[in-house]
Amino acid sequence: MAAASATAAPAAAGWRDQVKGGLEGLGWSSRDAERACEAVAGLVADDPATPVAALMRAALRSLAK
């Protein structure tokens, strides 16, 4: 249950490290991961409570383009 609540937790100041690390763990280069973080930074600016899981999905979508 703790893992589910951690995934649903709002994006904190460390969201970028979490998303970047997750993308790198999936095999994306550091450069691509950083580019994806830049692509989703606006979501956090619009709503600081955006869950990291949602940011990760959006980052993956940005890399698929």
PDB file of N, CA and C in Angstrom:
ATOM      1  N   MET A   1       0.816  -1.189   0.000  1.00  0.00           N
ATOM      2  CA  MET A   1       0.000   0.000   0.000  1.00  0.00           C
ATOM      3  C   MET A   1       0.862   1.256   0.000  1.00  0.00           C
ATOM      4  N   ALA A   2       2.007   1.231   0.681  1.00  0.00           N
ATOM      5  CA  ALA A   2       2.886   2.391   0.730  1.00  0.00           C
ATOM      6  C   ALA A   2       3.393   2.755  -0.663  1.00  0.00           C
ATOM      7  N   ALA A   3       3.653   1.755  -1.500  1.00  0.00           N
ATOM      8  CA  ALA A   3       4.132   2.038  -2.844  1.00  0.00           C
ATOM      9  C   ALA A   3       3.066   2.761  -3.656  1.00  0.00           C
ATOM     10  N   ALA A   4       1.822   2.397  -3.493  1.00  0.00           N
ATOM     11  CA  ALA A   4       0.753   3.054  -4.231  1.00  0.00           C
ATOM     12  C   ALA A   4       0.606   4.501  -3.799  1.00  0.00           C
ATOM     13  N   SER A   5       0.715   4.764  -2.519  1.00  0.00           N
ATOM     14  CA  SER A   5       0.571   6.137  -2.064  1.00  0.00           C
ATOM     15  C   SER A   5       1.778   6.971  -2.466  1.00  0.00           C
ATOM     16  N   ALA A   6       2.949   6.362  -2.553  1.00  0.00           N
ATOM     17  CA  ALA A   6       4.128   7.093  -2.995  1.00  0.00           C
ATOM     18  C   ALA A   6       3.991   7.478  -4.466  1.00  0.00           C
ATOM     19  N   THR A   7       3.409   6.601  -5.257  1.00  0.00           N
ATOM     20  CA  THR A   7       3.216   6.878  -6.669  1.00  0.00           C
ATOM     21  C   THR A   7       2.190   7.981  -6.876  1.00  0.00           C
ATOM     22  N   ALA A   8       1.184   8.031  -6.029  1.00  0.00           N
ATOM     23  CA  ALA A   8       0.122   9.011  -6.178  1.00  0.00           C
ATOM     24  C   ALA A   8       0.426  10.319  -5.466  1.00  0.00           C
ATOM     25  N   ALA A   9       1.554  10.383  -4.759  1.00  0.00           N
ATOM     26  CA  ALA A   9       1.892  11.601  -4.025  1.00  0.00           C
ATOM     27  C   ALA A   9       2.082  12.755  -4.998  1.00  0.00           C
ATOM     28  N   PRO A  10       1.715  13.947  -4.570  1.00  0.00           N
ATOM     29  CA  PRO A  10       1.894  15.108  -5.438  1.00  0.00           C
ATOM     30  C   PRO A  10       3.363  15.317  -5.769  1.00  0.00           C
ATOM     31  N   ALA A  11       3.590  15.942  -6.896  1.00  0.00           N
ATOM     32  CA  ALA A  11       4.957  16.245  -7.306  1.00  0.00           C
ATOM     33  C   ALA A  11       5.555  17.254  -6.335  1.00  0.00           C
ATOM     34  N   ALA A  12       6.642  16.877  -5.721  1.00  0.00           N
ATOM     35  CA  ALA A  12       7.338  17.770  -4.801  1.00  0.00           C
ATOM     36  C   ALA A  12       8.485  18.425  -5.558  1.00  0.00           C
ATOM     37  N   ALA A  13       9.325  19.096  -4.844  1.00  0.00           N
ATOM     38  CA  ALA A  13      10.460  19.771  -5.469  1.00  0.00           C
ATOM     39  C   ALA A  13      11.344  18.776  -6.222  1.00  0.00           C
ATOM     40  N   GLY A  14      11.342  17.515  -5.820  1.00  0.00           N
ATOM     41  CA  GLY A  14      12.186  16.511  -6.454  1.00  0.00           C
ATOM     42  C   GLY A  14      11.554  15.792  -7.625  1.00  0.00           C
ATOM     43  N   TRP A  15      10.468  16.308  -8.166  1.00  0.00           N
ATOM     44  CA  TRP A  15       9.790  15.608  -9.260  1.00  0.00           C
ATOM     45  C   TRP A  15      10.726  15.390 -10.442  1.00  0.00           C
ATOM     46  N   ARG A  16      11.546  16.385 -10.734  1.00  0.00           N
ATOM     47  CA  ARG A  16      12.422  16.298 -11.906  1.00  0.00           C
ATOM     48  C   ARG A  16      13.406  15.137 -11.756  1.00  0.00           C
ATOM     49  N   ASP A  17      13.999  14.992 -10.571  1.00  0.00           N
ATOM     50  CA  ASP A  17      14.932  13.889 -10.337  1.00  0.00           C
ATOM     51  C   ASP A  17      14.224  12.544 -10.448  1.00  0.00           C
ATOM     52  N   GLN A  18      12.989  12.475  -9.950  1.00  0.00           N
ATOM     53  CA  GLN A  18      12.242  11.218 -10.012  1.00  0.00           C
ATOM     54  C   GLN A  18      11.905  10.843 -11.448  1.00  0.00           C
ATOM     55  N   VAL A  19      11.432  11.801 -12.218  1.00  0.00           N
ATOM     56  CA  VAL A  19      11.063  11.526 -13.610  1.00  0.00           C
ATOM     57  C   VAL A  19      12.312  11.210 -14.430  1.00  0.00           C
ATOM     58  N   LYS A  20      13.343  12.014 -14.264  1.00  0.00           N
ATOM     59  CA  LYS A  20      14.584  11.792 -15.020  1.00  0.00           C
ATOM     60  C   LYS A  20      15.173  10.424 -14.681  1.00  0.00           C
ATOM     61  N   GLY A  21      15.227  10.099 -13.404  1.00  0.00           N
ATOM     62  CA  GLY A  21      15.749   8.802 -12.987  1.00  0.00           C
ATOM     63  C   GLY A  21      14.915   7.650 -13.509  1.00  0.00           C
ATOM     64  N   GLY A  22      13.616   7.821 -13.508  1.00  0.00           N
ATOM     65  CA  GLY A  22      12.734   6.784 -14.034  1.00  0.00           C
ATOM     66  C   GLY A  22      12.942   6.553 -15.517  1.00  0.00           C
ATOM     67  N   LEU A  23      13.080   7.634 -16.257  1.00  0.00           N
ATOM     68  CA  LEU A  23      13.306   7.507 -17.702  1.00  0.00           C
ATOM     69  C   LEU A  23      14.659   6.862 -17.993  1.00  0.00           C
ATOM     70  N   GLU A  24      15.668   7.274 -17.243  1.00  0.00           N
ATOM     71  CA  GLU A  24      16.988   6.671 -17.431  1.00  0.00           C
ATOM     72  C   GLU A  24      16.954   5.186 -17.073  1.00  0.00           C
ATOM     73  N   GLY A  25      16.182   4.839 -16.054  1.00  0.00           N
ATOM     74  CA  GLY A  25      16.030   3.441 -15.677  1.00  0.00           C
ATOM     75  C   GLY A  25      15.349   2.616 -16.751  1.00  0.00           C
ATOM     76  N   LEU A  26      14.524   3.283 -17.560  1.00  0.00           N
ATOM     77  CA  LEU A  26      13.858   2.600 -18.671  1.00  0.00           C
ATOM     78  C   LEU A  26      14.722   2.554 -19.924  1.00  0.00           C
ATOM     79  N   GLY A  27      15.923   3.138 -19.838  1.00  0.00           N
ATOM     80  CA  GLY A  27      16.849   3.056 -20.959  1.00  0.00           C
ATOM     81  C   GLY A  27      17.006   4.328 -21.774  1.00  0.00           C
ATOM     82  N   TRP A  28      16.304   5.388 -21.423  1.00  0.00           N
ATOM     83  CA  TRP A  28      16.460   6.649 -22.149  1.00  0.00           C
ATOM     84  C   TRP A  28      17.770   7.300 -21.739  1.00  0.00           C
ATOM     85  N   SER A  29      18.384   8.034 -22.645  1.00  0.00           N
ATOM     86  CA  SER A  29      19.634   8.724 -22.328  1.00  0.00           C
ATOM     87  C   SER A  29      19.348   9.877 -21.372  1.00  0.00           C
ATOM     88  N   SER A  30      20.378  10.327 -20.694  1.00  0.00           N
ATOM     89  CA  SER A  30      20.252  11.452 -19.772  1.00  0.00           C
ATOM     90  C   SER A  30      19.762  12.695 -20.519  1.00  0.00           C
ATOM     91  N   ARG A  31      20.256  12.869 -21.718  1.00  0.00           N
ATOM     92  CA  ARG A  31      19.861  14.018 -22.541  1.00  0.00           C
ATOM     93  C   ARG A  31      18.373  13.958 -22.895  1.00  0.00           C
ATOM     94  N   ASP A  32      17.906  12.786 -23.334  1.00  0.00           N
ATOM     95  CA  ASP A  32      16.487  12.627 -23.663  1.00  0.00           C
ATOM     96  C   ASP A  32      15.617  12.798 -22.425  1.00  0.00           C
ATOM     97  N   ALA A  33      16.073  12.254 -21.293  1.00  0.00           N
ATOM     98  CA  ALA A  33      15.308  12.367 -20.051  1.00  0.00           C
ATOM     99  C   ALA A  33      15.174  13.828 -19.633  1.00  0.00           C
ATOM    100  N   GLU A  34      16.250  14.580 -19.762  1.00  0.00           N
ATOM    101  CA  GLU A  34      16.203  16.002 -19.402  1.00  0.00           C
ATOM    102  C   GLU A  34      15.265  16.760 -20.340  1.00  0.00           C
ATOM    103  N   ARG A  35      15.307  16.416 -21.624  1.00  0.00           N
ATOM    104  CA  ARG A  35      14.422  17.052 -22.604  1.00  0.00           C
ATOM    105  C   ARG A  35      12.959  16.763 -22.262  1.00  0.00           C
ATOM    106  N   ALA A  36      12.665  15.548 -21.852  1.00  0.00           N
ATOM    107  CA  ALA A  36      11.299  15.184 -21.465  1.00  0.00           C
ATOM    108  C   ALA A  36      10.872  15.943 -20.214  1.00  0.00           C
ATOM    109  N   CYS A  37      11.784  16.123 -19.273  1.00  0.00           N
ATOM    110  CA  CYS A  37      11.463  16.899 -18.064  1.00  0.00           C
ATOM    111  C   CYS A  37      11.128  18.340 -18.427  1.00  0.00           C
ATOM    112  N   GLU A  38      11.870  18.900 -19.346  1.00  0.00           N
ATOM    113  CA  GLU A  38      11.570  20.265 -19.799  1.00  0.00           C
ATOM    114  C   GLU A  38      10.181  20.323 -20.444  1.00  0.00           C
ATOM    115  N   ALA A  39       9.844  19.268 -21.175  1.00  0.00           N
ATOM    116  CA  ALA A  39       8.553  19.226 -21.867  1.00  0.00           C
ATOM    117  C   ALA A  39       7.376  19.194 -20.899  1.00  0.00           C
ATOM    118  N   VAL A  40       7.563  18.606 -19.719  1.00  0.00           N
ATOM    119  CA  VAL A  40       6.448  18.489 -18.767  1.00  0.00           C
ATOM    120  C   VAL A  40       6.518  19.505 -17.629  1.00  0.00           C
ATOM    121  N   ALA A  41       7.544  20.317 -17.594  1.00  0.00           N
ATOM    122  CA  ALA A  41       7.698  21.302 -16.512  1.00  0.00           C
ATOM    123  C   ALA A  41       6.496  22.238 -16.430  1.00  0.00           C
ATOM    124  N   GLY A  42       5.888  22.514 -17.557  1.00  0.00           N
ATOM    125  CA  GLY A  42       4.713  23.385 -17.571  1.00  0.00           C
ATOM    126  C   GLY A  42       3.535  22.799 -16.798  1.00  0.00           C
ATOM    127  N   LEU A  43       3.431  21.483 -16.778  1.00  0.00           N
ATOM    128  CA  LEU A  43       2.349  20.838 -16.014  1.00  0.00           C
ATOM    129  C   LEU A  43       2.495  21.140 -14.529  1.00  0.00           C
ATOM    130  N   VAL A  44       3.730  21.123 -14.043  1.00  0.00           N
ATOM    131  CA  VAL A  44       3.984  21.419 -12.627  1.00  0.00           C
ATOM    132  C   VAL A  44       3.748  22.897 -12.351  1.00  0.00           C
ATOM    133  N   ALA A  45       4.116  23.744 -13.306  1.00  0.00           N
ATOM    134  CA  ALA A  45       3.891  25.176 -13.137  1.00  0.00           C
ATOM    135  C   ALA A  45       2.390  25.474 -13.059  1.00  0.00           C
ATOM    136  N   ASP A  46       1.608  24.778 -13.877  1.00  0.00           N
ATOM    137  CA  ASP A  46       0.153  24.966 -13.871  1.00  0.00           C
ATOM    138  C   ASP A  46      -0.494  24.399 -12.619  1.00  0.00           C
ATOM    139  N   ASP A  47      -0.001  23.247 -12.157  1.00  0.00           N
ATOM    140  CA  ASP A  47      -0.575  22.583 -10.983  1.00  0.00           C
ATOM    141  C   ASP A  47       0.533  21.881 -10.203  1.00  0.00           C
ATOM    142  N   PRO A  48       1.077  22.535  -9.180  1.00  0.00           N
ATOM    143  CA  PRO A  48       2.167  21.936  -8.402  1.00  0.00           C
ATOM    144  C   PRO A  48       1.799  20.610  -7.736  1.00  0.00           C
ATOM    145  N   ALA A  49       0.524  20.279  -7.662  1.00  0.00           N
ATOM    146  CA  ALA A  49       0.098  19.020  -7.047  1.00  0.00           C
ATOM    147  C   ALA A  49       0.009  17.876  -8.056  1.00  0.00           C
ATOM    148  N   THR A  50       0.499  18.083  -9.271  1.00  0.00           N
ATOM    149  CA  THR A  50       0.468  17.025 -10.285  1.00  0.00           C
ATOM    150  C   THR A  50       1.268  15.825  -9.783  1.00  0.00           C
ATOM    151  N   PRO A  51       0.664  14.642  -9.766  1.00  0.00           N
ATOM    152  CA  PRO A  51       1.391  13.448  -9.295  1.00  0.00           C
ATOM    153  C   PRO A  51       2.574  13.105 -10.205  1.00  0.00           C
ATOM    154  N   VAL A  52       3.626  12.602  -9.609  1.00  0.00           N
ATOM    155  CA  VAL A  52       4.814  12.219 -10.369  1.00  0.00           C
ATOM    156  C   VAL A  52       4.456  11.173 -11.426  1.00  0.00           C
ATOM    157  N   ALA A  53       3.536  10.277 -11.120  1.00  0.00           N
ATOM    158  CA  ALA A  53       3.132   9.261 -12.095  1.00  0.00           C
ATOM    159  C   ALA A  53       2.553   9.909 -13.352  1.00  0.00           C
ATOM    160  N   ALA A  54       1.770  10.960 -13.183  1.00  0.00           N
ATOM    161  CA  ALA A  54       1.200  11.669 -14.334  1.00  0.00           C
ATOM    162  C   ALA A  54       2.300  12.379 -15.119  1.00  0.00           C
ATOM    163  N   LEU A  55       3.275  12.921 -14.407  1.00  0.00           N
ATOM    164  CA  LEU A  55       4.398  13.576 -15.086  1.00  0.00           C
ATOM    165  C   LEU A  55       5.216  12.557 -15.865  1.00  0.00           C
ATOM    166  N   MET A  56       5.382  11.385 -15.295  1.00  0.00           N
ATOM    167  CA  MET A  56       6.140  10.324 -15.968  1.00  0.00           C
ATOM    168  C   MET A  56       5.429   9.897 -17.257  1.00  0.00           C
ATOM    169  N   ARG A  57       4.120   9.731 -17.182  1.00  0.00           N
ATOM    170  CA  ARG A  57       3.357   9.356 -18.392  1.00  0.00           C
ATOM    171  C   ARG A  57       3.480  10.441 -19.463  1.00  0.00           C
ATOM    172  N   ALA A  58       3.372  11.699 -19.044  1.00  0.00           N
ATOM    173  CA  ALA A  58       3.473  12.805 -19.991  1.00  0.00           C
ATOM    174  C   ALA A  58       4.879  12.870 -20.590  1.00  0.00           C
ATOM    175  N   ALA A  59       5.889  12.608 -19.777  1.00  0.00           N
ATOM    176  CA  ALA A  59       7.263  12.609 -20.266  1.00  0.00           C
ATOM    177  C   ALA A  59       7.467  11.500 -21.293  1.00  0.00           C
ATOM    178  N   LEU A  60       6.936  10.323 -21.027  1.00  0.00           N
ATOM    179  CA  LEU A  60       7.044   9.223 -21.982  1.00  0.00           C
ATOM    180  C   LEU A  60       6.329   9.559 -23.287  1.00  0.00           C
ATOM    181  N   ARG A  61       5.175  10.194 -23.188  1.00  0.00           N
ATOM    182  CA  ARG A  61       4.456  10.610 -24.410  1.00  0.00           C
ATOM    183  C   ARG A  61       5.295  11.613 -25.200  1.00  0.00           C
ATOM    184  N   SER A  62       5.962  12.535 -24.505  1.00  0.00           N
ATOM    185  CA  SER A  62       6.765  13.540 -25.216  1.00  0.00           C
ATOM    186  C   SER A  62       7.936  12.885 -25.946  1.00  0.00           C
ATOM    187  N   LEU A  63       8.463  11.813 -25.396  1.00  0.00           N
ATOM    188  CA  LEU A  63       9.577  11.124 -26.033  1.00  0.00           C
ATOM    189  C   LEU A  63       9.120  10.284 -27.222  1.00  0.00           C
ATOM    190  N   ALA A  64       7.872   9.910 -27.243  1.00  0.00           N
ATOM    191  CA  ALA A  64       7.350   9.082 -28.328  1.00  0.00           C
ATOM    192  C   ALA A  64       7.131   9.888 -29.608  1.00  0.00           C
ATOM    193  N   LYS A  65       7.154  11.189 -29.501  1.00  0.00           N
ATOM    194  CA  LYS A  65       6.909  12.035 -30.678  1.00  0.00           C
ATOM    195  C   LYS A  65       8.118  12.143 -31.554  1.00  0.00           C
TER     196      LYS A  65
END
